[in-house]
């Protein structure tokens, strides 16, 4: 696999593919953070989670189009507004979905799987009817184009550095919310013992609703980030849902550190292997390795003790 490459060329390839893998890692992590929060606390299998990524992506595309047509001066700033707006829209839609459907299906995991799968099909058709079946891409700001010349043979894309920075900020914010805030205390109490949390005066229904909406909002941010590395279509989110579930299960449900480690490992493995092998073979090798590890450690890389 490495035949024909010098040591310096291999080093450059691993460096560039490694950074390329960081962009994929960021999308995986942002998607998996929301899904891990939802699945870890509520035990809801949300098959429509990828469509909330698509909401954020289409929000970025629409804001780009409107800025280009009606406010060219805003083109240098619209991407940050798109991140915030993508979060808000996905959060509101997630809140409404939990209120109108998910709250009636708690403790029925198979029903939540089927219901959210049906919801994903409805949302995909809505995207297709609204934006068309063809994939679209936003016009990125000029300052987001180009690359940084790290060495004579290593170039790091500027949009990749921005994506990594946004992901680091959002992951830190989620960590603070879960482990350093009063709301996070309520979430962790509900996760560990729902009955006792309710007896202590915590409104577990409200915690569930806000948690589900937060997970969907984070997926909306992932959608805005996604537009910097790929085009957007009605089924773009569904292409990542299997990988996202794989990240959550491999890292350990409800484990923030496990989600980060799992997303990084899977993204880097796929990115580097795709350079030397085909994309399908890279995914096969990655899945085989993950399955082998899960056979030895079914609880995932990290696990937390939860009172039943």
C-alpha atoms as a PDB file:
ATOM      1  CA  UNK A   1       0.000   0.000   0.000  1.00  0.00           C
ATOM      2  CA  UNK A   2       2.898   2.360   0.726  1.00  0.00           C
ATOM      3  CA  UNK A   3       5.100   1.197  -2.143  1.00  0.00           C
ATOM      4  CA  UNK A   4       6.536   3.915  -4.387  1.00  0.00           C
ATOM      5  CA  UNK A   5       6.457   6.662  -1.756  1.00  0.00           C
ATOM      6  CA  UNK A   6       9.461   8.162  -0.033  1.00  0.00           C
ATOM      7  CA  UNK A   7       9.481   8.793   3.708  1.00  0.00           C
ATOM      8  CA  UNK A   8       9.021  12.551   3.209  1.00  0.00           C
ATOM      9  CA  UNK A   9       6.132  12.002   0.788  1.00  0.00           C
ATOM     10  CA  UNK A  10       4.431   9.637   3.230  1.00  0.00           C
ATOM     11  CA  UNK A  11       4.871  12.185   6.005  1.00  0.00           C
ATOM     12  CA  UNK A  12       3.286  14.890   3.864  1.00  0.00           C
ATOM     13  CA  UNK A  13       0.439  12.580   2.822  1.00  0.00           C
ATOM     14  CA  UNK A  14      -0.321  11.602   6.414  1.00  0.00           C
ATOM     15  CA  UNK A  15      -0.192  15.261   7.491  1.00  0.00           C
ATOM     16  CA  UNK A  16      -2.505  16.525   4.738  1.00  0.00           C
ATOM     17  CA  UNK A  17      -4.913  13.578   4.950  1.00  0.00           C
ATOM     18  CA  UNK A  18      -4.831  13.888   8.713  1.00  0.00           C
ATOM     19  CA  UNK A  19      -5.965  17.493   8.499  1.00  0.00           C
ATOM     20  CA  UNK A  20      -8.536  16.532   5.875  1.00  0.00           C
ATOM     21  CA  UNK A  21      -9.734  13.955   8.365  1.00  0.00           C
ATOM     22  CA  UNK A  22     -10.096  16.728  10.951  1.00  0.00           C
ATOM     23  CA  UNK A  23     -12.819  18.342   8.821  1.00  0.00           C
ATOM     24  CA  UNK A  24     -14.661  15.015   8.646  1.00  0.00           C
ATOM     25  CA  UNK A  25     -14.012  14.562  12.367  1.00  0.00           C
ATOM     26  CA  UNK A  26     -15.668  17.916  13.074  1.00  0.00           C
ATOM     27  CA  UNK A  27     -18.834  16.949  11.182  1.00  0.00           C
ATOM     28  CA  UNK A  28     -18.909  13.537  12.896  1.00  0.00           C
ATOM     29  CA  UNK A  29     -18.330  15.104  16.300  1.00  0.00           C
ATOM     30  CA  UNK A  30     -20.967  17.805  15.995  1.00  0.00           C
ATOM     31  CA  UNK A  31     -23.504  15.277  14.723  1.00  0.00           C
ATOM     32  CA  UNK A  32     -22.566  12.710  17.366  1.00  0.00           C
ATOM     33  CA  UNK A  33     -22.606  15.232  20.236  1.00  0.00           C
ATOM     34  CA  UNK A  34     -26.277  15.951  19.659  1.00  0.00           C
ATOM     35  CA  UNK A  35     -27.138  12.301  19.104  1.00  0.00           C
ATOM     36  CA  UNK A  36     -25.173  11.180  22.167  1.00  0.00           C
ATOM     37  CA  UNK A  37     -26.998  13.703  24.354  1.00  0.00           C
ATOM     38  CA  UNK A  38     -30.394  12.566  23.029  1.00  0.00           C
ATOM     39  CA  UNK A  39     -29.700   8.830  23.121  1.00  0.00           C
ATOM     40  CA  UNK A  40     -27.743   8.943  26.364  1.00  0.00           C
ATOM     41  CA  UNK A  41     -30.462  10.718  28.331  1.00  0.00           C
ATOM     42  CA  UNK A  42     -33.696   9.808  26.596  1.00  0.00           C
ATOM     43  CA  UNK A  43     -32.871   6.449  24.963  1.00  0.00           C
ATOM     44  CA  UNK A  44     -34.488   7.796  21.787  1.00  0.00           C
ATOM     45  CA  UNK A  45     -33.148   6.417  18.495  1.00  0.00           C
ATOM     46  CA  UNK A  46     -33.501   9.489  16.292  1.00  0.00           C
ATOM     47  CA  UNK A  47     -33.206   8.365  12.673  1.00  0.00           C
ATOM     48  CA  UNK A  48     -34.103  11.899  11.539  1.00  0.00           C
ATOM     49  CA  UNK A  49     -31.016  13.403  13.170  1.00  0.00           C
ATOM     50  CA  UNK A  50     -29.272  13.720   9.805  1.00  0.00           C
ATOM     51  CA  UNK A  51     -32.104  15.868   8.466  1.00  0.00           C
ATOM     52  CA  UNK A  52     -31.362  18.471  11.134  1.00  0.00           C
ATOM     53  CA  UNK A  53     -27.870  18.675   9.631  1.00  0.00           C
ATOM     54  CA  UNK A  54     -29.582  19.323   6.293  1.00  0.00           C
ATOM     55  CA  UNK A  55     -31.603  22.137   7.889  1.00  0.00           C
ATOM     56  CA  UNK A  56     -28.386  23.883   8.911  1.00  0.00           C
ATOM     57  CA  UNK A  57     -26.848  23.314   5.481  1.00  0.00           C
ATOM     58  CA  UNK A  58     -29.839  24.712   3.579  1.00  0.00           C
ATOM     59  CA  UNK A  59     -30.007  27.645   6.006  1.00  0.00           C
ATOM     60  CA  UNK A  60     -26.403  28.485   5.099  1.00  0.00           C
ATOM     61  CA  UNK A  61     -27.179  28.146   1.383  1.00  0.00           C
ATOM     62  CA  UNK A  62     -30.245  30.397   1.613  1.00  0.00           C
ATOM     63  CA  UNK A  63     -28.420  33.057   3.621  1.00  0.00           C
ATOM     64  CA  UNK A  64     -25.560  32.949   1.114  1.00  0.00           C
ATOM     65  CA  UNK A  65     -27.955  33.368  -1.818  1.00  0.00           C
ATOM     66  CA  UNK A  66     -29.878  36.222  -0.183  1.00  0.00           C
ATOM     67  CA  UNK A  67     -26.678  38.011   0.819  1.00  0.00           C
ATOM     68  CA  UNK A  68     -25.252  37.652  -2.677  1.00  0.00           C
ATOM     69  CA  UNK A  69     -28.388  39.076  -4.302  1.00  0.00           C
ATOM     70  CA  UNK A  70     -29.539  41.741  -1.872  1.00  0.00           C
ATOM     71  CA  UNK A  71     -26.660  42.542   0.496  1.00  0.00           C
ATOM     72  CA  UNK A  72     -23.244  41.925  -1.112  1.00  0.00           C
ATOM     73  CA  UNK A  73     -21.585  43.816   1.751  1.00  0.00           C
ATOM     74  CA  UNK A  74     -22.770  41.065   4.114  1.00  0.00           C
ATOM     75  CA  UNK A  75     -20.968  38.270   2.214  1.00  0.00           C
ATOM     76  CA  UNK A  76     -17.894  38.470   4.444  1.00  0.00           C
ATOM     77  CA  UNK A  77     -19.983  37.959   7.581  1.00  0.00           C
ATOM     78  CA  UNK A  78     -22.955  35.802   6.588  1.00  0.00           C
ATOM     79  CA  UNK A  79     -21.293  32.479   7.487  1.00  0.00           C
ATOM     80  CA  UNK A  80     -21.206  33.292  11.193  1.00  0.00           C
ATOM     81  CA  UNK A  81     -24.837  34.428  11.025  1.00  0.00           C
ATOM     82  CA  UNK A  82     -25.684  31.167   9.231  1.00  0.00           C
ATOM     83  CA  UNK A  83     -24.164  29.117  12.057  1.00  0.00           C
ATOM     84  CA  UNK A  84     -26.286  30.932  14.639  1.00  0.00           C
ATOM     85  CA  UNK A  85     -29.437  30.844  12.490  1.00  0.00           C
ATOM     86  CA  UNK A  86     -28.927  27.160  11.639  1.00  0.00           C
ATOM     87  CA  UNK A  87     -28.739  26.372  15.348  1.00  0.00           C
ATOM     88  CA  UNK A  88     -31.887  28.386  16.136  1.00  0.00           C
ATOM     89  CA  UNK A  89     -33.995  26.894  13.318  1.00  0.00           C
ATOM     90  CA  UNK A  90     -32.906  23.315  14.051  1.00  0.00           C
ATOM     91  CA  UNK A  91     -33.470  23.910  17.786  1.00  0.00           C
ATOM     92  CA  UNK A  92     -37.030  25.174  17.215  1.00  0.00           C
ATOM     93  CA  UNK A  93     -37.901  22.345  14.816  1.00  0.00           C
ATOM     94  CA  UNK A  94     -36.453  19.817  17.279  1.00  0.00           C
ATOM     95  CA  UNK A  95     -38.476  21.338  20.133  1.00  0.00           C
ATOM     96  CA  UNK A  96     -41.665  21.047  18.071  1.00  0.00           C
ATOM     97  CA  UNK A  97     -40.882  17.453  17.054  1.00  0.00           C
ATOM     98  CA  UNK A  98     -40.343  16.435  20.674  1.00  0.00           C
ATOM     99  CA  UNK A  99     -43.524  18.191  21.787  1.00  0.00           C
ATOM    100  CA  UNK A 100     -45.715  16.829  19.003  1.00  0.00           C
ATOM    101  CA  UNK A 101     -44.331  13.287  18.596  1.00  0.00           C
ATOM    102  CA  UNK A 102     -41.349  12.080  20.628  1.00  0.00           C
ATOM    103  CA  UNK A 103     -42.853  12.673  24.092  1.00  0.00           C
ATOM    104  CA  UNK A 104     -45.576  10.109  23.359  1.00  0.00           C
ATOM    105  CA  UNK A 105     -43.034   7.406  22.487  1.00  0.00           C
ATOM    106  CA  UNK A 106     -40.713   7.302  25.513  1.00  0.00           C
ATOM    107  CA  UNK A 107     -39.737   3.802  26.700  1.00  0.00           C
ATOM    108  CA  UNK A 108     -40.690   2.476  23.247  1.00  0.00           C
ATOM    109  CA  UNK A 109     -37.346   2.450  21.379  1.00  0.00           C
ATOM    110  CA  UNK A 110     -38.607   0.524  18.350  1.00  0.00           C
ATOM    111  CA  UNK A 111     -41.500   2.954  17.952  1.00  0.00           C
ATOM    112  CA  UNK A 112     -39.156   5.952  18.151  1.00  0.00           C
ATOM    113  CA  UNK A 113     -36.931   4.367  15.500  1.00  0.00           C
ATOM    114  CA  UNK A 114     -39.828   3.820  13.095  1.00  0.00           C
ATOM    115  CA  UNK A 115     -41.443   7.189  13.820  1.00  0.00           C
ATOM    116  CA  UNK A 116     -38.244   9.191  13.353  1.00  0.00           C
ATOM    117  CA  UNK A 117     -37.395   7.201  10.215  1.00  0.00           C
ATOM    118  CA  UNK A 118     -40.782   8.217   8.813  1.00  0.00           C
ATOM    119  CA  UNK A 119     -40.090  11.793   9.902  1.00  0.00           C
ATOM    120  CA  UNK A 120     -36.770  11.722   8.035  1.00  0.00           C
ATOM    121  CA  UNK A 121     -38.561  10.695   4.812  1.00  0.00           C
ATOM    122  CA  UNK A 122     -41.091  13.499   5.260  1.00  0.00           C
ATOM    123  CA  UNK A 123     -38.321  16.037   5.849  1.00  0.00           C
ATOM    124  CA  UNK A 124     -36.355  14.788   2.825  1.00  0.00           C
ATOM    125  CA  UNK A 125     -39.391  15.207   0.594  1.00  0.00           C
ATOM    126  CA  UNK A 126     -39.972  18.670   2.055  1.00  0.00           C
ATOM    127  CA  UNK A 127     -36.391  19.635   1.163  1.00  0.00           C
ATOM    128  CA  UNK A 128     -36.820  18.146  -2.310  1.00  0.00           C
ATOM    129  CA  UNK A 129     -40.064  20.060  -2.927  1.00  0.00           C
ATOM    130  CA  UNK A 130     -38.638  23.319  -1.567  1.00  0.00           C
ATOM    131  CA  UNK A 131     -35.092  23.374  -2.926  1.00  0.00           C
ATOM    132  CA  UNK A 132     -35.216  20.795  -5.727  1.00  0.00           C
ATOM    133  CA  UNK A 133     -33.491  17.432  -6.094  1.00  0.00           C
ATOM    134  CA  UNK A 134     -30.142  18.809  -7.277  1.00  0.00           C
ATOM    135  CA  UNK A 135     -27.330  19.448  -4.839  1.00  0.00           C
ATOM    136  CA  UNK A 136     -26.456  23.069  -4.088  1.00  0.00           C
ATOM    137  CA  UNK A 137     -23.518  24.842  -2.503  1.00  0.00           C
ATOM    138  CA  UNK A 138     -23.279  28.275  -0.865  1.00  0.00           C
ATOM    139  CA  UNK A 139     -20.817  30.884  -2.077  1.00  0.00           C
ATOM    140  CA  UNK A 140     -18.141  30.961   0.600  1.00  0.00           C
ATOM    141  CA  UNK A 141     -16.616  34.295   1.659  1.00  0.00           C
ATOM    142  CA  UNK A 142     -13.361  35.180  -0.084  1.00  0.00           C
ATOM    143  CA  UNK A 143     -11.411  35.068   3.177  1.00  0.00           C
ATOM    144  CA  UNK A 144     -12.508  31.449   3.681  1.00  0.00           C
ATOM    145  CA  UNK A 145     -10.924  30.297   0.414  1.00  0.00           C
ATOM    146  CA  UNK A 146      -7.313  29.318  -0.168  1.00  0.00           C
ATOM    147  CA  UNK A 147      -4.873  27.552   2.112  1.00  0.00           C
ATOM    148  CA  UNK A 148      -2.027  28.093   4.513  1.00  0.00           C
ATOM    149  CA  UNK A 149       1.384  26.931   3.267  1.00  0.00           C
ATOM    150  CA  UNK A 150       2.756  25.011   6.243  1.00  0.00           C
ATOM    151  CA  UNK A 151       5.734  23.724   4.249  1.00  0.00           C
ATOM    152  CA  UNK A 152       6.823  23.230   0.651  1.00  0.00           C
ATOM    153  CA  UNK A 153       4.536  20.217   0.206  1.00  0.00           C
ATOM    154  CA  UNK A 154       1.940  20.664   2.969  1.00  0.00           C
ATOM    155  CA  UNK A 155      -1.026  23.010   2.512  1.00  0.00           C
ATOM    156  CA  UNK A 156      -3.732  23.431   5.127  1.00  0.00           C
ATOM    157  CA  UNK A 157      -7.109  24.781   3.866  1.00  0.00           C
ATOM    158  CA  UNK A 158      -8.325  27.890   5.658  1.00  0.00           C
ATOM    159  CA  UNK A 159     -11.915  26.649   5.803  1.00  0.00           C
ATOM    160  CA  UNK A 160     -10.660  23.509   7.559  1.00  0.00           C
ATOM    161  CA  UNK A 161      -8.955  25.593  10.244  1.00  0.00           C
ATOM    162  CA  UNK A 162     -12.171  27.568  10.777  1.00  0.00           C
ATOM    163  CA  UNK A 163     -14.215  24.371  11.059  1.00  0.00           C
ATOM    164  CA  UNK A 164     -11.821  22.988  13.674  1.00  0.00           C
ATOM    165  CA  UNK A 165     -12.020  26.230  15.644  1.00  0.00           C
ATOM    166  CA  UNK A 166     -15.835  26.299  15.592  1.00  0.00           C
ATOM    167  CA  UNK A 167     -15.993  22.653  16.664  1.00  0.00           C
ATOM    168  CA  UNK A 168     -13.580  23.250  19.540  1.00  0.00           C
ATOM    169  CA  UNK A 169     -15.644  26.210  20.787  1.00  0.00           C
ATOM    170  CA  UNK A 170     -18.950  24.353  20.543  1.00  0.00           C
ATOM    171  CA  UNK A 171     -17.579  21.202  22.180  1.00  0.00           C
ATOM    172  CA  UNK A 172     -16.232  23.301  25.064  1.00  0.00           C
ATOM    173  CA  UNK A 173     -19.631  24.978  25.394  1.00  0.00           C
ATOM    174  CA  UNK A 174     -21.401  21.604  25.539  1.00  0.00           C
ATOM    175  CA  UNK A 175     -18.909  20.404  28.163  1.00  0.00           C
ATOM    176  CA  UNK A 176     -19.576  23.523  30.246  1.00  0.00           C
ATOM    177  CA  UNK A 177     -23.352  23.105  29.926  1.00  0.00           C
ATOM    178  CA  UNK A 178     -23.271  19.456  30.950  1.00  0.00           C
ATOM    179  CA  UNK A 179     -20.715  19.593  33.760  1.00  0.00           C
ATOM    180  CA  UNK A 180     -20.570  23.176  35.008  1.00  0.00           C
ATOM    181  CA  UNK A 181     -24.146  24.493  34.814  1.00  0.00           C
ATOM    182  CA  UNK A 182     -27.354  23.998  36.772  1.00  0.00           C
ATOM    183  CA  UNK A 183     -29.110  22.756  33.623  1.00  0.00           C
ATOM    184  CA  UNK A 184     -26.385  20.159  33.096  1.00  0.00           C
ATOM    185  CA  UNK A 185     -26.837  18.978  36.672  1.00  0.00           C
ATOM    186  CA  UNK A 186     -30.514  18.384  35.942  1.00  0.00           C
ATOM    187  CA  UNK A 187     -29.640  16.507  32.745  1.00  0.00           C
ATOM    188  CA  UNK A 188     -27.153  14.238  34.513  1.00  0.00           C
ATOM    189  CA  UNK A 189     -29.566  13.635  37.382  1.00  0.00           C
ATOM    190  CA  UNK A 190     -32.316  12.677  34.934  1.00  0.00           C
ATOM    191  CA  UNK A 191     -29.934  10.359  33.076  1.00  0.00           C
ATOM    192  CA  UNK A 192     -28.804   8.550  36.214  1.00  0.00           C
ATOM    193  CA  UNK A 193     -32.181   8.191  37.934  1.00  0.00           C
ATOM    194  CA  UNK A 194     -35.270   9.714  36.327  1.00  0.00           C
ATOM    195  CA  UNK A 195     -37.645   8.784  39.162  1.00  0.00           C
ATOM    196  CA  UNK A 196     -35.457  10.288  41.890  1.00  0.00           C
ATOM    197  CA  UNK A 197     -34.803  13.392  39.761  1.00  0.00           C
ATOM    198  CA  UNK A 198     -38.551  13.925  39.456  1.00  0.00           C
ATOM    199  CA  UNK A 199     -38.993  13.359  43.194  1.00  0.00           C
ATOM    200  CA  UNK A 200     -36.338  16.027  43.826  1.00  0.00           C
ATOM    201  CA  UNK A 201     -38.426  18.585  41.942  1.00  0.00           C
ATOM    202  CA  UNK A 202     -36.770  18.449  38.511  1.00  0.00           C
ATOM    203  CA  UNK A 203     -39.211  18.838  35.624  1.00  0.00           C
ATOM    204  CA  UNK A 204     -37.920  15.861  33.651  1.00  0.00           C
ATOM    205  CA  UNK A 205     -40.323  16.471  30.744  1.00  0.00           C
ATOM    206  CA  UNK A 206     -38.934  19.968  30.258  1.00  0.00           C
ATOM    207  CA  UNK A 207     -35.373  18.668  30.551  1.00  0.00           C
ATOM    208  CA  UNK A 208     -36.129  16.052  27.889  1.00  0.00           C
ATOM    209  CA  UNK A 209     -37.644  18.629  25.526  1.00  0.00           C
ATOM    210  CA  UNK A 210     -34.790  21.094  25.861  1.00  0.00           C
ATOM    211  CA  UNK A 211     -32.210  18.313  25.573  1.00  0.00           C
ATOM    212  CA  UNK A 212     -33.750  16.975  22.378  1.00  0.00           C
ATOM    213  CA  UNK A 213     -33.932  20.485  20.933  1.00  0.00           C
ATOM    214  CA  UNK A 214     -30.299  21.191  21.916  1.00  0.00           C
ATOM    215  CA  UNK A 215     -29.132  17.995  20.210  1.00  0.00           C
ATOM    216  CA  UNK A 216     -30.987  19.001  17.050  1.00  0.00           C
ATOM    217  CA  UNK A 217     -29.557  22.536  17.235  1.00  0.00           C
ATOM    218  CA  UNK A 218     -26.007  21.166  17.401  1.00  0.00           C
ATOM    219  CA  UNK A 219     -26.776  19.108  14.289  1.00  0.00           C
ATOM    220  CA  UNK A 220     -27.862  22.368  12.626  1.00  0.00           C
ATOM    221  CA  UNK A 221     -24.416  23.826  13.348  1.00  0.00           C
ATOM    222  CA  UNK A 222     -22.893  20.664  11.873  1.00  0.00           C
ATOM    223  CA  UNK A 223     -24.901  21.394   8.724  1.00  0.00           C
ATOM    224  CA  UNK A 224     -23.426  24.878   8.417  1.00  0.00           C
ATOM    225  CA  UNK A 225     -19.948  23.405   8.874  1.00  0.00           C
ATOM    226  CA  UNK A 226     -20.784  20.658   6.347  1.00  0.00           C
ATOM    227  CA  UNK A 227     -21.246  23.209   3.550  1.00  0.00           C
ATOM    228  CA  UNK A 228     -17.516  24.038   3.641  1.00  0.00           C
ATOM    229  CA  UNK A 229     -16.519  20.500   2.618  1.00  0.00           C
ATOM    230  CA  UNK A 230     -19.403  19.200   0.462  1.00  0.00           C
ATOM    231  CA  UNK A 231     -22.513  20.226  -1.458  1.00  0.00           C
ATOM    232  CA  UNK A 232     -25.995  19.896   0.025  1.00  0.00           C
ATOM    233  CA  UNK A 233     -28.901  17.810  -1.222  1.00  0.00           C
ATOM    234  CA  UNK A 234     -32.196  16.515   0.230  1.00  0.00           C
ATOM    235  CA  UNK A 235     -30.527  13.283   1.388  1.00  0.00           C
ATOM    236  CA  UNK A 236     -27.175  14.720   2.542  1.00  0.00           C
ATOM    237  CA  UNK A 237     -27.927  14.197   6.224  1.00  0.00           C
ATOM    238  CA  UNK A 238     -29.000  10.585   5.808  1.00  0.00           C
ATOM    239  CA  UNK A 239     -25.574   9.753   4.348  1.00  0.00           C
ATOM    240  CA  UNK A 240     -23.995  10.522   7.729  1.00  0.00           C
ATOM    241  CA  UNK A 241     -26.541   8.980  10.072  1.00  0.00           C
ATOM    242  CA  UNK A 242     -24.983   5.480  10.082  1.00  0.00           C
ATOM    243  CA  UNK A 243     -21.495   6.860  10.734  1.00  0.00           C
ATOM    244  CA  UNK A 244     -22.907   9.055  13.494  1.00  0.00           C
ATOM    245  CA  UNK A 245     -24.572   6.122  15.270  1.00  0.00           C
ATOM    246  CA  UNK A 246     -21.328   4.202  14.864  1.00  0.00           C
ATOM    247  CA  UNK A 247     -19.423   7.038  16.558  1.00  0.00           C
ATOM    248  CA  UNK A 248     -21.882   7.144  19.477  1.00  0.00           C
ATOM    249  CA  UNK A 249     -21.907   3.368  20.035  1.00  0.00           C
ATOM    250  CA  UNK A 250     -18.142   3.002  19.603  1.00  0.00           C
ATOM    251  CA  UNK A 251     -17.391   5.856  21.993  1.00  0.00           C
ATOM    252  CA  UNK A 252     -19.896   4.775  24.607  1.00  0.00           C
ATOM    253  CA  UNK A 253     -23.397   6.210  24.891  1.00  0.00           C
ATOM    254  CA  UNK A 254     -23.676   9.307  27.106  1.00  0.00           C
ATOM    255  CA  UNK A 255     -19.883   9.701  27.234  1.00  0.00           C
ATOM    256  CA  UNK A 256     -18.646  13.059  25.938  1.00  0.00           C
ATOM    257  CA  UNK A 257     -15.003  11.986  25.972  1.00  0.00           C
ATOM    258  CA  UNK A 258     -15.871   8.714  24.255  1.00  0.00           C
ATOM    259  CA  UNK A 259     -17.723  10.567  21.514  1.00  0.00           C
ATOM    260  CA  UNK A 260     -14.709  12.809  20.858  1.00  0.00           C
ATOM    261  CA  UNK A 261     -12.233   9.901  20.809  1.00  0.00           C
ATOM    262  CA  UNK A 262     -14.491   7.762  18.626  1.00  0.00           C
ATOM    263  CA  UNK A 263     -15.191  10.537  16.090  1.00  0.00           C
ATOM    264  CA  UNK A 264     -11.473  11.327  15.804  1.00  0.00           C
ATOM    265  CA  UNK A 265     -10.445   7.679  15.366  1.00  0.00           C
ATOM    266  CA  UNK A 266     -13.065   6.842  12.735  1.00  0.00           C
ATOM    267  CA  UNK A 267     -12.601  10.078  10.737  1.00  0.00           C
ATOM    268  CA  UNK A 268      -8.807   9.781  10.650  1.00  0.00           C
ATOM    269  CA  UNK A 269      -8.916   6.106   9.677  1.00  0.00           C
ATOM    270  CA  UNK A 270     -11.345   6.749   6.820  1.00  0.00           C
ATOM    271  CA  UNK A 271      -9.500   9.816   5.550  1.00  0.00           C
ATOM    272  CA  UNK A 272      -6.039   8.201   5.454  1.00  0.00           C
ATOM    273  CA  UNK A 273      -7.222   4.855   4.075  1.00  0.00           C
ATOM    274  CA  UNK A 274      -9.236   6.548   1.306  1.00  0.00           C
ATOM    275  CA  UNK A 275      -6.022   8.035  -0.091  1.00  0.00           C
ATOM    276  CA  UNK A 276      -4.396   4.632  -0.557  1.00  0.00           C
ATOM    277  CA  UNK A 277      -7.519   2.518  -1.151  1.00  0.00           C
ATOM    278  CA  UNK A 278     -11.011   3.073  -2.540  1.00  0.00           C
ATOM    279  CA  UNK A 279     -13.621   4.796  -0.405  1.00  0.00           C
ATOM    280  CA  UNK A 280     -15.644   1.596  -0.012  1.00  0.00           C
ATOM    281  CA  UNK A 281     -12.611  -0.428   1.077  1.00  0.00           C
ATOM    282  CA  UNK A 282     -11.625   2.256   3.582  1.00  0.00           C
ATOM    283  CA  UNK A 283     -15.104   2.081   5.125  1.00  0.00           C
ATOM    284  CA  UNK A 284     -15.042  -1.735   5.189  1.00  0.00           C
ATOM    285  CA  UNK A 285     -11.694  -1.809   7.006  1.00  0.00           C
ATOM    286  CA  UNK A 286     -12.819   0.863   9.471  1.00  0.00           C
ATOM    287  CA  UNK A 287     -16.103  -0.925  10.223  1.00  0.00           C
ATOM    288  CA  UNK A 288     -14.328  -4.256  10.644  1.00  0.00           C
ATOM    289  CA  UNK A 289     -11.898  -2.753  13.149  1.00  0.00           C
ATOM    290  CA  UNK A 290     -14.714  -1.074  15.095  1.00  0.00           C
ATOM    291  CA  UNK A 291     -16.768  -4.291  15.205  1.00  0.00           C
ATOM    292  CA  UNK A 292     -13.733  -6.219  16.441  1.00  0.00           C
ATOM    293  CA  UNK A 293     -13.134  -3.721  19.248  1.00  0.00           C
ATOM    294  CA  UNK A 294     -16.827  -3.705  20.225  1.00  0.00           C
ATOM    295  CA  UNK A 295     -16.769  -7.507  20.475  1.00  0.00           C
ATOM    296  CA  UNK A 296     -14.014  -7.168  23.073  1.00  0.00           C
ATOM    297  CA  UNK A 297     -15.507  -4.080  24.737  1.00  0.00           C
ATOM    298  CA  UNK A 298     -19.299  -3.933  24.134  1.00  0.00           C
ATOM    299  CA  UNK A 299     -19.768  -0.820  26.297  1.00  0.00           C
ATOM    300  CA  UNK A 300     -17.575   1.227  23.941  1.00  0.00           C
ATOM    301  CA  UNK A 301     -14.316   3.075  24.499  1.00  0.00           C
ATOM    302  CA  UNK A 302     -15.674   4.944  27.514  1.00  0.00           C
ATOM    303  CA  UNK A 303     -18.695   4.247  29.663  1.00  0.00           C
ATOM    304  CA  UNK A 304     -20.355   5.818  32.652  1.00  0.00           C
ATOM    305  CA  UNK A 305     -22.074   4.120  35.526  1.00  0.00           C
ATOM    306  CA  UNK A 306     -25.798   4.709  35.484  1.00  0.00           C
ATOM    307  CA  UNK A 307     -28.183   3.803  38.311  1.00  0.00           C
ATOM    308  CA  UNK A 308     -31.080   1.728  37.085  1.00  0.00           C
END
